[in-house]
């Protein structure tokens, strides 16, 4: 999925400004889809040019006028076709895993720092997902499942980190040889 698809998906739930789309991505989609804030407005402009969304300007007291985007019937059909045609592939891109792939080249202190930092990030993500489930009353069943999936994945990763972190540095030391340093 790309930024345009994320925007269409969020707008399928109701009208929203670019800022509201950004917040929805951060709060609901960030654990399984990545996009930059700077890509949202160009995507919305392109979707508007294609007739998939339209917008109206809404005045705000003491703030700039905002654009509120609405999914058109054509946009809704396009999004449905995208949902029907998309294969459920998962792509894992992780700087942490890249660094750990080459942990044998790093000092033990750096490995420990990386493991601690990743554990903290996983716990923060788990807390966020749990808070969303606990506080959001408008989740669809699919949204709820997606959040539960993220919670289960983060819990499993945290268990792995807790059981393997202590022995990993020792295992790496034992596997190091002069040719890998």
N, C-alpha and C. Protein backbone atom coordinates (compact mmCIF):
# COMPACT_ATOMS: atom_id res chain seq x y z
N UNK A 1 0.84 -1.18 0.00
CA UNK A 1 0.00 0.00 0.00
C UNK A 1 0.89 1.24 0.00
N UNK A 2 0.44 2.26 -0.67
CA UNK A 2 1.19 3.50 -0.69
C UNK A 2 0.40 4.60 0.03
N UNK A 3 0.95 5.80 0.05
CA UNK A 3 0.32 6.91 0.77
C UNK A 3 -1.06 7.21 0.21
N UNK A 4 -1.22 7.15 -1.10
CA UNK A 4 -2.53 7.41 -1.71
C UNK A 4 -3.57 6.41 -1.21
N UNK A 5 -3.17 5.14 -1.13
CA UNK A 5 -4.10 4.12 -0.64
C UNK A 5 -4.47 4.37 0.82
N UNK A 6 -3.48 4.76 1.62
CA UNK A 6 -3.77 5.07 3.02
C UNK A 6 -4.75 6.23 3.12
N UNK A 7 -4.55 7.26 2.32
CA UNK A 7 -5.46 8.41 2.33
C UNK A 7 -6.87 7.99 1.93
N UNK A 8 -6.98 7.20 0.86
CA UNK A 8 -8.29 6.73 0.43
C UNK A 8 -8.96 5.90 1.52
N UNK A 9 -8.18 5.04 2.16
CA UNK A 9 -8.74 4.22 3.23
C UNK A 9 -9.27 5.05 4.38
N UNK A 10 -8.51 6.03 4.79
CA UNK A 10 -8.95 6.88 5.90
C UNK A 10 -10.18 7.68 5.49
N UNK A 11 -10.18 8.19 4.26
CA UNK A 11 -11.34 8.96 3.79
C UNK A 11 -12.57 8.07 3.59
N UNK A 12 -12.38 6.76 3.41
CA UNK A 12 -13.53 5.86 3.31
C UNK A 12 -14.28 5.78 4.63
N UNK A 13 -13.61 6.19 5.70
CA UNK A 13 -14.23 6.19 7.04
C UNK A 13 -14.93 7.51 7.34
N UNK A 14 -14.63 8.54 6.56
CA UNK A 14 -15.25 9.84 6.78
C UNK A 14 -14.35 10.96 6.29
N UNK A 15 -14.92 12.14 6.16
CA UNK A 15 -14.17 13.31 5.70
C UNK A 15 -13.05 13.64 6.68
N UNK A 16 -11.96 14.18 6.16
CA UNK A 16 -10.83 14.51 7.02
C UNK A 16 -9.92 15.53 6.34
N UNK A 17 -9.26 16.31 7.16
CA UNK A 17 -8.23 17.23 6.67
C UNK A 17 -6.92 16.46 6.54
N UNK A 18 -5.94 17.07 5.89
CA UNK A 18 -4.63 16.44 5.79
C UNK A 18 -4.05 16.16 7.15
N UNK A 19 -4.22 17.10 8.08
CA UNK A 19 -3.71 16.91 9.44
C UNK A 19 -4.41 15.73 10.12
N UNK A 20 -5.72 15.62 9.94
CA UNK A 20 -6.47 14.51 10.54
C UNK A 20 -6.05 13.17 9.92
N UNK A 21 -5.74 13.17 8.64
CA UNK A 21 -5.23 11.96 8.00
C UNK A 21 -3.88 11.59 8.59
N UNK A 22 -3.02 12.59 8.76
CA UNK A 22 -1.71 12.35 9.37
C UNK A 22 -1.87 11.73 10.77
N UNK A 23 -2.77 12.29 11.58
CA UNK A 23 -3.00 11.77 12.93
C UNK A 23 -3.54 10.34 12.88
N UNK A 24 -4.43 10.05 11.95
CA UNK A 24 -4.98 8.69 11.83
C UNK A 24 -3.87 7.71 11.47
N UNK A 25 -2.98 8.11 10.57
CA UNK A 25 -1.87 7.24 10.19
C UNK A 25 -0.99 6.99 11.40
N UNK A 26 -0.68 8.04 12.15
CA UNK A 26 0.17 7.89 13.34
C UNK A 26 -0.48 7.00 14.39
N UNK A 27 -1.78 7.17 14.61
CA UNK A 27 -2.44 6.49 15.71
C UNK A 27 -2.92 5.09 15.36
N UNK A 28 -3.24 4.84 14.11
CA UNK A 28 -3.85 3.56 13.78
C UNK A 28 -3.03 2.72 12.81
N UNK A 29 -2.35 3.35 11.90
CA UNK A 29 -1.68 2.60 10.84
C UNK A 29 -0.17 2.47 11.03
N UNK A 30 0.41 3.24 11.93
CA UNK A 30 1.87 3.33 12.00
C UNK A 30 2.55 2.01 12.36
N UNK A 31 1.85 1.10 13.01
CA UNK A 31 2.50 -0.16 13.37
C UNK A 31 2.57 -1.15 12.21
N UNK A 32 1.90 -0.83 11.09
CA UNK A 32 2.02 -1.75 9.96
C UNK A 32 2.17 -1.06 8.60
N UNK A 33 2.06 0.25 8.53
CA UNK A 33 2.29 0.98 7.29
C UNK A 33 3.09 2.22 7.61
N UNK A 34 4.06 2.51 6.77
CA UNK A 34 4.89 3.70 6.98
C UNK A 34 4.69 4.68 5.85
N UNK A 35 4.59 5.93 6.20
CA UNK A 35 4.53 7.00 5.22
C UNK A 35 5.02 8.26 5.89
N UNK A 36 5.52 9.16 5.11
CA UNK A 36 6.02 10.42 5.69
C UNK A 36 4.91 11.46 5.65
N UNK A 37 4.94 12.36 6.60
CA UNK A 37 3.95 13.43 6.66
C UNK A 37 4.01 14.26 5.38
N UNK A 38 5.21 14.46 4.85
CA UNK A 38 5.38 15.26 3.65
C UNK A 38 4.80 14.63 2.41
N UNK A 39 4.46 13.34 2.45
CA UNK A 39 3.90 12.69 1.26
C UNK A 39 2.37 12.73 1.25
N UNK A 40 1.76 13.12 2.35
CA UNK A 40 0.29 13.10 2.42
C UNK A 40 -0.34 14.16 1.52
N UNK A 41 0.14 15.40 1.61
CA UNK A 41 -0.46 16.47 0.82
C UNK A 41 -0.25 16.29 -0.68
N UNK A 42 0.95 15.88 -1.15
CA UNK A 42 1.07 15.60 -2.58
C UNK A 42 0.15 14.46 -3.04
N UNK A 43 -0.01 13.44 -2.19
CA UNK A 43 -0.92 12.34 -2.53
C UNK A 43 -2.35 12.84 -2.64
N UNK A 44 -2.76 13.69 -1.70
CA UNK A 44 -4.12 14.23 -1.73
C UNK A 44 -4.33 15.11 -2.97
N UNK A 45 -3.31 15.88 -3.34
CA UNK A 45 -3.41 16.72 -4.55
C UNK A 45 -3.59 15.84 -5.79
N UNK A 46 -2.82 14.77 -5.87
CA UNK A 46 -2.92 13.86 -7.01
C UNK A 46 -4.28 13.16 -7.04
N UNK A 47 -4.74 12.72 -5.87
CA UNK A 47 -6.04 12.07 -5.79
C UNK A 47 -7.15 13.04 -6.21
N UNK A 48 -7.00 14.30 -5.85
CA UNK A 48 -7.96 15.32 -6.24
C UNK A 48 -7.96 15.53 -7.76
N UNK A 49 -6.76 15.60 -8.35
CA UNK A 49 -6.63 15.74 -9.81
C UNK A 49 -7.27 14.56 -10.54
N UNK A 50 -7.16 13.38 -9.95
CA UNK A 50 -7.71 12.17 -10.56
C UNK A 50 -9.22 12.04 -10.34
N UNK A 51 -9.79 12.93 -9.55
CA UNK A 51 -11.22 12.88 -9.27
C UNK A 51 -11.60 11.83 -8.25
N UNK A 52 -10.62 11.33 -7.49
CA UNK A 52 -10.91 10.31 -6.49
C UNK A 52 -11.30 10.92 -5.15
N UNK A 53 -10.88 12.14 -4.91
CA UNK A 53 -11.30 12.90 -3.72
C UNK A 53 -11.64 14.32 -4.17
N UNK A 54 -12.41 14.99 -3.37
CA UNK A 54 -12.66 16.42 -3.56
C UNK A 54 -12.50 17.07 -2.20
N UNK A 55 -12.42 18.36 -2.19
CA UNK A 55 -12.26 19.05 -0.91
C UNK A 55 -13.06 20.34 -0.90
N UNK A 56 -13.32 20.77 0.31
CA UNK A 56 -13.89 22.10 0.51
C UNK A 56 -13.05 22.78 1.60
N UNK A 57 -13.01 24.08 1.53
CA UNK A 57 -12.24 24.83 2.51
C UNK A 57 -13.14 25.18 3.69
N UNK A 58 -12.57 25.07 4.87
CA UNK A 58 -13.32 25.31 6.10
C UNK A 58 -12.57 26.34 6.93
N UNK A 59 -13.24 27.43 7.22
CA UNK A 59 -12.62 28.49 8.03
C UNK A 59 -12.49 28.01 9.47
N UNK A 60 -11.41 28.45 10.12
CA UNK A 60 -11.17 28.12 11.51
C UNK A 60 -10.85 29.41 12.26
N UNK A 61 -11.41 29.59 13.43
CA UNK A 61 -11.07 30.81 14.18
C UNK A 61 -9.60 30.82 14.59
N UNK A 62 -8.93 31.94 14.31
CA UNK A 62 -7.54 32.17 14.67
C UNK A 62 -6.57 31.14 14.09
N UNK A 63 -6.96 30.48 13.02
CA UNK A 63 -6.10 29.49 12.36
C UNK A 63 -6.32 29.61 10.86
N UNK A 64 -5.37 29.11 10.10
CA UNK A 64 -5.57 29.15 8.64
C UNK A 64 -6.74 28.27 8.21
N UNK A 65 -7.32 28.61 7.09
CA UNK A 65 -8.40 27.80 6.52
C UNK A 65 -7.85 26.42 6.21
N UNK A 66 -8.65 25.41 6.51
CA UNK A 66 -8.18 24.04 6.23
C UNK A 66 -9.01 23.43 5.11
N UNK A 67 -8.37 22.50 4.40
CA UNK A 67 -9.05 21.74 3.37
C UNK A 67 -9.55 20.45 3.99
N UNK A 68 -10.83 20.20 3.81
CA UNK A 68 -11.44 18.96 4.30
C UNK A 68 -11.74 18.10 3.07
N UNK A 69 -11.16 16.91 3.04
CA UNK A 69 -11.26 16.03 1.88
C UNK A 69 -12.38 15.02 2.05
N UNK A 70 -13.03 14.71 0.92
CA UNK A 70 -14.13 13.75 0.86
C UNK A 70 -13.84 12.76 -0.25
N UNK A 71 -14.10 11.52 -0.01
CA UNK A 71 -13.95 10.48 -1.02
C UNK A 71 -15.11 10.57 -2.00
N UNK A 72 -14.82 10.61 -3.30
CA UNK A 72 -15.88 10.63 -4.31
C UNK A 72 -16.36 9.20 -4.56
N UNK A 73 -17.45 9.07 -5.28
CA UNK A 73 -17.93 7.73 -5.63
C UNK A 73 -16.88 6.99 -6.46
N UNK A 74 -16.22 7.71 -7.37
CA UNK A 74 -15.15 7.11 -8.16
C UNK A 74 -14.00 6.67 -7.26
N UNK A 75 -13.67 7.50 -6.28
CA UNK A 75 -12.61 7.17 -5.33
C UNK A 75 -12.96 5.94 -4.49
N UNK A 76 -14.21 5.86 -4.09
CA UNK A 76 -14.66 4.70 -3.30
C UNK A 76 -14.55 3.42 -4.13
N UNK A 77 -14.96 3.49 -5.41
CA UNK A 77 -14.85 2.32 -6.30
C UNK A 77 -13.39 1.96 -6.52
N UNK A 78 -12.55 2.97 -6.73
CA UNK A 78 -11.12 2.73 -6.94
C UNK A 78 -10.50 2.07 -5.71
N UNK A 79 -10.85 2.57 -4.53
CA UNK A 79 -10.30 1.99 -3.30
C UNK A 79 -10.78 0.55 -3.13
N UNK A 80 -12.05 0.29 -3.41
CA UNK A 80 -12.57 -1.08 -3.32
C UNK A 80 -11.81 -2.00 -4.28
N UNK A 81 -11.59 -1.54 -5.51
CA UNK A 81 -10.83 -2.34 -6.48
C UNK A 81 -9.41 -2.60 -5.98
N UNK A 82 -8.81 -1.61 -5.35
CA UNK A 82 -7.46 -1.78 -4.79
C UNK A 82 -7.48 -2.84 -3.70
N UNK A 83 -8.48 -2.78 -2.81
CA UNK A 83 -8.59 -3.78 -1.75
C UNK A 83 -8.77 -5.18 -2.33
N UNK A 84 -9.57 -5.29 -3.36
CA UNK A 84 -9.83 -6.60 -3.96
C UNK A 84 -8.60 -7.16 -4.69
N UNK A 85 -7.77 -6.29 -5.24
CA UNK A 85 -6.64 -6.74 -6.06
C UNK A 85 -5.33 -6.88 -5.28
N UNK A 86 -5.28 -6.38 -4.07
CA UNK A 86 -4.02 -6.38 -3.32
C UNK A 86 -3.78 -7.73 -2.66
N UNK A 87 -2.60 -8.28 -2.90
CA UNK A 87 -2.19 -9.52 -2.24
C UNK A 87 -1.75 -9.20 -0.81
N UNK A 88 -2.07 -10.07 0.15
CA UNK A 88 -1.74 -9.79 1.54
C UNK A 88 -0.28 -10.10 1.90
N UNK A 89 0.63 -9.48 1.21
CA UNK A 89 2.05 -9.69 1.48
C UNK A 89 2.50 -8.82 2.65
N UNK A 90 3.44 -9.33 3.41
CA UNK A 90 4.02 -8.54 4.49
C UNK A 90 5.45 -8.23 4.14
N UNK A 91 5.85 -7.01 4.38
CA UNK A 91 7.22 -6.60 4.15
C UNK A 91 7.77 -6.06 5.46
N UNK A 92 8.86 -6.64 5.89
CA UNK A 92 9.48 -6.18 7.12
C UNK A 92 10.76 -5.45 6.78
N UNK A 93 10.77 -4.18 7.07
CA UNK A 93 11.98 -3.37 6.90
C UNK A 93 12.36 -2.87 8.27
N UNK A 94 13.53 -3.22 8.68
CA UNK A 94 13.94 -2.91 10.04
C UNK A 94 15.42 -2.57 10.10
N UNK A 95 15.72 -1.35 10.48
CA UNK A 95 17.12 -0.99 10.70
C UNK A 95 17.69 -1.81 11.86
N UNK A 96 16.86 -2.09 12.86
CA UNK A 96 17.31 -2.90 13.99
C UNK A 96 17.78 -4.27 13.52
N UNK A 97 16.97 -4.94 12.69
CA UNK A 97 17.36 -6.26 12.22
C UNK A 97 18.58 -6.20 11.31
N UNK A 98 18.70 -5.14 10.53
CA UNK A 98 19.91 -4.97 9.71
C UNK A 98 21.14 -4.87 10.61
N UNK A 99 21.06 -4.06 11.66
CA UNK A 99 22.18 -3.92 12.59
C UNK A 99 22.49 -5.24 13.28
N UNK A 100 21.45 -5.97 13.68
CA UNK A 100 21.67 -7.23 14.37
C UNK A 100 22.24 -8.29 13.43
N UNK A 101 21.95 -8.20 12.13
CA UNK A 101 22.52 -9.12 11.17
C UNK A 101 24.05 -9.04 11.20
N UNK A 102 24.55 -7.86 11.50
CA UNK A 102 26.00 -7.65 11.53
C UNK A 102 26.50 -7.38 12.95
N UNK A 103 25.78 -7.92 13.93
CA UNK A 103 26.15 -7.70 15.33
C UNK A 103 27.54 -8.24 15.64
N UNK A 104 27.99 -9.24 14.91
CA UNK A 104 29.32 -9.80 15.15
C UNK A 104 30.42 -8.78 14.88
N UNK A 105 30.09 -7.69 14.19
CA UNK A 105 31.06 -6.63 13.91
C UNK A 105 31.01 -5.50 14.95
N UNK A 106 30.03 -5.56 15.82
CA UNK A 106 29.83 -4.49 16.80
C UNK A 106 30.37 -4.89 18.17
N UNK A 107 30.77 -3.88 18.97
CA UNK A 107 31.17 -4.20 20.35
C UNK A 107 29.94 -4.60 21.18
N UNK A 108 30.17 -5.40 22.20
CA UNK A 108 29.08 -5.87 23.05
C UNK A 108 28.26 -4.74 23.65
N UNK A 109 28.92 -3.63 24.00
CA UNK A 109 28.19 -2.50 24.59
C UNK A 109 27.17 -1.93 23.60
N UNK A 110 27.54 -1.89 22.31
CA UNK A 110 26.62 -1.39 21.29
C UNK A 110 25.47 -2.36 21.09
N UNK A 111 25.75 -3.65 21.13
CA UNK A 111 24.69 -4.66 21.00
C UNK A 111 23.69 -4.51 22.15
N UNK A 112 24.20 -4.36 23.36
CA UNK A 112 23.33 -4.19 24.52
C UNK A 112 22.49 -2.92 24.37
N UNK A 113 23.11 -1.85 23.92
CA UNK A 113 22.39 -0.59 23.70
C UNK A 113 21.27 -0.77 22.66
N UNK A 114 21.58 -1.44 21.56
CA UNK A 114 20.58 -1.69 20.53
C UNK A 114 19.42 -2.53 21.05
N UNK A 115 19.74 -3.58 21.79
CA UNK A 115 18.69 -4.44 22.35
C UNK A 115 17.81 -3.68 23.34
N UNK A 116 18.43 -2.88 24.19
CA UNK A 116 17.67 -2.09 25.15
C UNK A 116 16.76 -1.07 24.45
N UNK A 117 17.31 -0.41 23.43
CA UNK A 117 16.54 0.59 22.70
C UNK A 117 15.36 -0.06 21.98
N UNK A 118 15.61 -1.19 21.32
CA UNK A 118 14.54 -1.88 20.61
C UNK A 118 13.47 -2.38 21.58
N UNK A 119 13.88 -2.87 22.72
CA UNK A 119 12.91 -3.31 23.74
C UNK A 119 12.03 -2.14 24.16
N UNK A 120 12.63 -0.98 24.37
CA UNK A 120 11.87 0.22 24.73
C UNK A 120 10.89 0.63 23.64
N UNK A 121 11.33 0.56 22.38
CA UNK A 121 10.45 0.91 21.26
C UNK A 121 9.28 -0.06 21.15
N UNK A 122 9.55 -1.34 21.31
CA UNK A 122 8.49 -2.35 21.27
C UNK A 122 7.48 -2.13 22.39
N UNK A 123 7.97 -1.84 23.58
CA UNK A 123 7.08 -1.60 24.72
C UNK A 123 6.23 -0.35 24.49
N UNK A 124 6.84 0.70 23.95
CA UNK A 124 6.09 1.93 23.66
C UNK A 124 5.00 1.67 22.63
N UNK A 125 5.33 0.92 21.59
CA UNK A 125 4.34 0.57 20.56
C UNK A 125 3.22 -0.28 21.15
N UNK A 126 3.57 -1.23 21.99
CA UNK A 126 2.57 -2.06 22.66
C UNK A 126 1.65 -1.21 23.52
N UNK A 127 2.21 -0.28 24.26
CA UNK A 127 1.40 0.62 25.10
C UNK A 127 0.46 1.45 24.25
N UNK A 128 0.95 1.97 23.11
CA UNK A 128 0.12 2.79 22.22
C UNK A 128 -1.04 1.97 21.66
N UNK A 129 -0.77 0.78 21.16
CA UNK A 129 -1.82 -0.05 20.59
C UNK A 129 -2.86 -0.44 21.63
N UNK A 130 -2.40 -0.76 22.82
CA UNK A 130 -3.32 -1.11 23.90
C UNK A 130 -4.19 0.08 24.28
N UNK A 131 -3.58 1.27 24.34
CA UNK A 131 -4.33 2.49 24.67
C UNK A 131 -5.39 2.78 23.61
N UNK A 132 -5.04 2.59 22.33
CA UNK A 132 -6.02 2.84 21.26
C UNK A 132 -7.21 1.90 21.41
N UNK A 133 -6.95 0.62 21.66
CA UNK A 133 -8.06 -0.34 21.84
C UNK A 133 -8.91 0.05 23.04
N UNK A 134 -8.27 0.45 24.13
CA UNK A 134 -8.99 0.77 25.36
C UNK A 134 -9.79 2.07 25.25
N UNK A 135 -9.29 3.04 24.48
CA UNK A 135 -9.90 4.37 24.49
C UNK A 135 -10.77 4.68 23.27
N UNK A 136 -10.55 4.00 22.16
CA UNK A 136 -11.28 4.33 20.94
C UNK A 136 -12.57 3.50 20.85
N UNK A 137 -13.68 4.20 20.81
CA UNK A 137 -14.97 3.52 20.80
C UNK A 137 -15.51 3.30 19.39
N UNK A 138 -14.82 3.82 18.37
CA UNK A 138 -15.34 3.75 17.01
C UNK A 138 -14.57 2.78 16.12
N UNK A 139 -13.89 1.82 16.70
CA UNK A 139 -13.12 0.86 15.91
C UNK A 139 -14.05 -0.13 15.22
N UNK A 140 -13.78 -0.36 13.95
CA UNK A 140 -14.50 -1.42 13.24
C UNK A 140 -13.92 -2.76 13.67
N UNK A 141 -14.61 -3.86 13.42
CA UNK A 141 -14.04 -5.16 13.78
C UNK A 141 -12.67 -5.40 13.12
N UNK A 142 -12.52 -4.97 11.87
CA UNK A 142 -11.23 -5.13 11.19
C UNK A 142 -10.14 -4.30 11.84
N UNK A 143 -10.47 -3.08 12.26
CA UNK A 143 -9.49 -2.23 12.95
C UNK A 143 -9.09 -2.87 14.27
N UNK A 144 -10.06 -3.39 14.99
CA UNK A 144 -9.79 -4.03 16.27
C UNK A 144 -8.85 -5.23 16.06
N UNK A 145 -9.15 -6.05 15.04
CA UNK A 145 -8.29 -7.20 14.74
C UNK A 145 -6.87 -6.75 14.42
N UNK A 146 -6.75 -5.69 13.61
CA UNK A 146 -5.43 -5.19 13.22
C UNK A 146 -4.63 -4.76 14.44
N UNK A 147 -5.28 -4.07 15.36
CA UNK A 147 -4.61 -3.64 16.59
C UNK A 147 -4.23 -4.85 17.44
N UNK A 148 -5.13 -5.83 17.55
CA UNK A 148 -4.81 -7.05 18.29
C UNK A 148 -3.62 -7.79 17.66
N UNK A 149 -3.55 -7.80 16.35
CA UNK A 149 -2.44 -8.42 15.63
C UNK A 149 -1.14 -7.72 16.01
N UNK A 150 -1.15 -6.39 16.01
CA UNK A 150 0.03 -5.63 16.40
C UNK A 150 0.42 -5.88 17.85
N UNK A 151 -0.56 -5.97 18.72
CA UNK A 151 -0.29 -6.25 20.13
C UNK A 151 0.35 -7.63 20.28
N UNK A 152 -0.24 -8.63 19.62
CA UNK A 152 0.31 -10.00 19.71
C UNK A 152 1.73 -10.05 19.16
N UNK A 153 1.98 -9.38 18.05
CA UNK A 153 3.33 -9.37 17.46
C UNK A 153 4.32 -8.71 18.40
N UNK A 154 3.95 -7.57 18.96
CA UNK A 154 4.87 -6.87 19.87
C UNK A 154 5.10 -7.67 21.15
N UNK A 155 4.08 -8.33 21.66
CA UNK A 155 4.26 -9.17 22.85
C UNK A 155 5.23 -10.33 22.55
N UNK A 156 5.08 -10.94 21.38
CA UNK A 156 5.97 -12.04 21.01
C UNK A 156 7.40 -11.54 20.85
N UNK A 157 7.57 -10.39 20.22
CA UNK A 157 8.92 -9.83 20.05
C UNK A 157 9.54 -9.45 21.39
N UNK A 158 8.74 -8.91 22.29
CA UNK A 158 9.25 -8.58 23.62
C UNK A 158 9.69 -9.84 24.37
N UNK A 159 8.91 -10.93 24.24
CA UNK A 159 9.31 -12.19 24.87
C UNK A 159 10.64 -12.67 24.30
N UNK A 160 10.79 -12.59 22.99
CA UNK A 160 12.05 -12.98 22.35
C UNK A 160 13.20 -12.13 22.88
N UNK A 161 13.00 -10.83 22.95
CA UNK A 161 14.05 -9.93 23.43
C UNK A 161 14.42 -10.28 24.87
N UNK A 162 13.44 -10.57 25.70
CA UNK A 162 13.71 -10.87 27.11
C UNK A 162 14.44 -12.19 27.27
N UNK A 163 14.10 -13.19 26.45
CA UNK A 163 14.73 -14.50 26.62
C UNK A 163 16.10 -14.59 25.93
N UNK A 164 16.32 -13.81 24.88
CA UNK A 164 17.56 -13.94 24.12
C UNK A 164 18.59 -12.85 24.41
N UNK A 165 18.18 -11.71 24.92
CA UNK A 165 19.11 -10.59 25.09
C UNK A 165 20.29 -10.95 25.98
N UNK A 166 20.03 -11.65 27.06
CA UNK A 166 21.10 -11.95 28.01
C UNK A 166 22.18 -12.84 27.40
N UNK A 167 21.80 -13.79 26.59
CA UNK A 167 22.78 -14.73 26.05
C UNK A 167 23.35 -14.32 24.69
N UNK A 168 22.74 -13.36 24.03
CA UNK A 168 23.14 -13.03 22.67
C UNK A 168 24.58 -12.53 22.57
N UNK A 169 24.98 -11.64 23.44
CA UNK A 169 26.36 -11.13 23.40
C UNK A 169 27.37 -12.26 23.58
N UNK A 170 27.08 -13.19 24.48
CA UNK A 170 27.98 -14.33 24.70
C UNK A 170 28.05 -15.22 23.46
N UNK A 171 26.91 -15.45 22.82
CA UNK A 171 26.88 -16.26 21.61
C UNK A 171 27.65 -15.58 20.48
N UNK A 172 27.51 -14.27 20.38
CA UNK A 172 28.23 -13.53 19.34
C UNK A 172 29.73 -13.60 19.60
N UNK A 173 30.13 -13.42 20.86
CA UNK A 173 31.56 -13.53 21.21
C UNK A 173 32.10 -14.90 20.81
N UNK A 174 31.35 -15.94 21.10
CA UNK A 174 31.80 -17.30 20.79
C UNK A 174 31.89 -17.53 19.29
N UNK A 175 31.03 -16.86 18.53
CA UNK A 175 31.02 -17.05 17.07
C UNK A 175 32.04 -16.18 16.34
N UNK A 176 32.55 -15.18 17.02
CA UNK A 176 33.51 -14.28 16.37
C UNK A 176 34.79 -15.02 16.05
N UNK A 177 35.32 -14.69 14.91
CA UNK A 177 36.64 -15.24 14.55
C UNK A 177 37.45 -14.10 13.96
N UNK A 178 38.75 -14.26 13.87
CA UNK A 178 39.57 -13.18 13.33
C UNK A 178 39.13 -12.72 11.93
N UNK A 179 38.58 -13.62 11.12
CA UNK A 179 38.20 -13.21 9.75
C UNK A 179 36.93 -12.36 9.73
N UNK A 180 36.09 -12.37 10.80
CA UNK A 180 34.86 -11.57 10.81
C UNK A 180 35.07 -10.22 11.47
N UNK A 181 36.22 -9.96 12.06
CA UNK A 181 36.43 -8.68 12.71
C UNK A 181 37.06 -7.67 11.81
